[in-house]
């Protein structure tokens, strides 16, 4: 059933081409296959977990370094020195 208006037919053909282009897109192809989707989500989870661990390691190291440098504040300095000593003896 083709539309009688040539402009409408042209628009429909353009829409068909766009839908074909979207269906061939990588994102849609990955989500059309359950094994591909599972593999993609697994790799995504591994990357997220690795990034979280690396980021937390850097953050804790920087906080430990910062705390070890503040010996001149009486209460916080003693607390930071004890934490720094425990970290060094744990290695």
Protein backbone atom coordinates (compact mmCIF):
# COMPACT_ATOMS: atom_id res chain seq x y z
CA UNK A 1 0.00 0.00 0.00
CA UNK A 2 1.92 2.99 -1.31
CA UNK A 3 0.75 6.52 -0.46
CA UNK A 4 -0.69 8.56 -3.28
CA UNK A 5 1.37 11.65 -2.50
CA UNK A 6 4.92 11.49 -3.97
CA UNK A 7 6.31 13.56 -1.08
CA UNK A 8 4.88 11.09 1.43
CA UNK A 9 6.39 8.17 -0.48
CA UNK A 10 9.76 9.92 -0.48
CA UNK A 11 9.53 10.56 3.27
CA UNK A 12 8.62 6.93 3.93
CA UNK A 13 11.61 5.75 1.89
CA UNK A 14 13.89 8.10 3.82
CA UNK A 15 12.48 6.74 7.08
CA UNK A 16 13.13 3.17 5.90
CA UNK A 17 16.74 4.07 5.12
CA UNK A 18 17.21 5.68 8.54
CA UNK A 19 15.71 2.68 10.32
CA UNK A 20 17.99 0.35 8.37
CA UNK A 21 20.96 2.53 9.34
CA UNK A 22 19.95 2.51 13.01
CA UNK A 23 19.41 -1.26 12.99
CA UNK A 24 22.92 -1.77 11.63
CA UNK A 25 24.43 0.38 14.39
CA UNK A 26 26.82 -1.43 16.77
CA UNK A 27 24.79 -0.57 19.88
CA UNK A 28 21.64 -2.13 18.44
CA UNK A 29 23.51 -5.20 17.17
CA UNK A 30 25.00 -5.83 20.63
CA UNK A 31 21.60 -5.54 22.31
CA UNK A 32 19.91 -7.82 19.77
CA UNK A 33 22.01 -10.80 20.91
CA UNK A 34 21.77 -12.05 24.48
CA UNK A 35 25.28 -13.61 24.56
CA UNK A 36 26.81 -10.40 23.16
CA UNK A 37 24.87 -8.33 25.68
CA UNK A 38 26.04 -10.53 28.56
CA UNK A 39 29.65 -10.36 27.37
CA UNK A 40 29.44 -6.58 26.93
CA UNK A 41 27.97 -6.09 30.41
CA UNK A 42 30.59 -8.43 31.92
CA UNK A 43 33.47 -6.49 30.39
CA UNK A 44 31.80 -3.23 31.42
CA UNK A 45 31.54 -4.50 35.01
CA UNK A 46 35.20 -5.56 35.03
CA UNK A 47 36.27 -2.13 33.80
CA UNK A 48 34.08 -0.40 36.39
CA UNK A 49 35.43 -2.57 39.21
CA UNK A 50 39.04 -2.05 38.15
CA UNK A 51 38.54 1.70 37.90
CA UNK A 52 36.94 1.79 41.33
CA UNK A 53 39.79 -0.16 42.94
CA UNK A 54 42.48 1.96 41.28
CA UNK A 55 40.69 5.19 42.17
CA UNK A 56 40.18 4.14 45.79
CA UNK A 57 43.83 3.10 46.06
CA UNK A 58 45.02 6.46 44.79
CA UNK A 59 42.60 8.34 47.06
CA UNK A 60 43.57 6.40 50.19
CA UNK A 61 47.27 6.82 49.38
CA UNK A 62 46.87 10.56 48.99
CA UNK A 63 44.88 10.85 52.21
CA UNK A 64 47.52 8.79 54.05
CA UNK A 65 50.30 10.94 52.62
CA UNK A 66 48.44 14.10 53.60
CA UNK A 67 47.77 12.84 57.12
CA UNK A 68 51.40 11.86 57.63
CA UNK A 69 52.47 15.42 56.85
CA UNK A 70 50.42 17.12 59.58
CA UNK A 71 52.54 16.35 62.66
CA UNK A 72 52.35 19.92 63.93
CA UNK A 73 48.66 19.75 64.91
CA UNK A 74 48.62 18.15 68.40
CA UNK A 75 45.59 15.84 68.35
CA UNK A 76 45.35 15.18 64.62
CA UNK A 77 49.13 14.92 64.30
CA UNK A 78 49.37 12.07 66.85
CA UNK A 79 46.43 10.30 65.25
CA UNK A 80 47.92 10.68 61.78
CA UNK A 81 51.32 9.47 62.99
CA UNK A 82 49.75 6.33 64.46
CA UNK A 83 47.87 5.65 61.21
CA UNK A 84 51.02 6.19 59.16
CA UNK A 85 53.00 3.84 61.45
CA UNK A 86 50.33 1.15 61.18
CA UNK A 87 50.31 1.44 57.39
CA UNK A 88 54.10 1.17 57.24
CA UNK A 89 54.21 -1.86 59.57
CA UNK A 90 51.44 -3.60 57.61
CA UNK A 91 53.66 -3.75 54.53
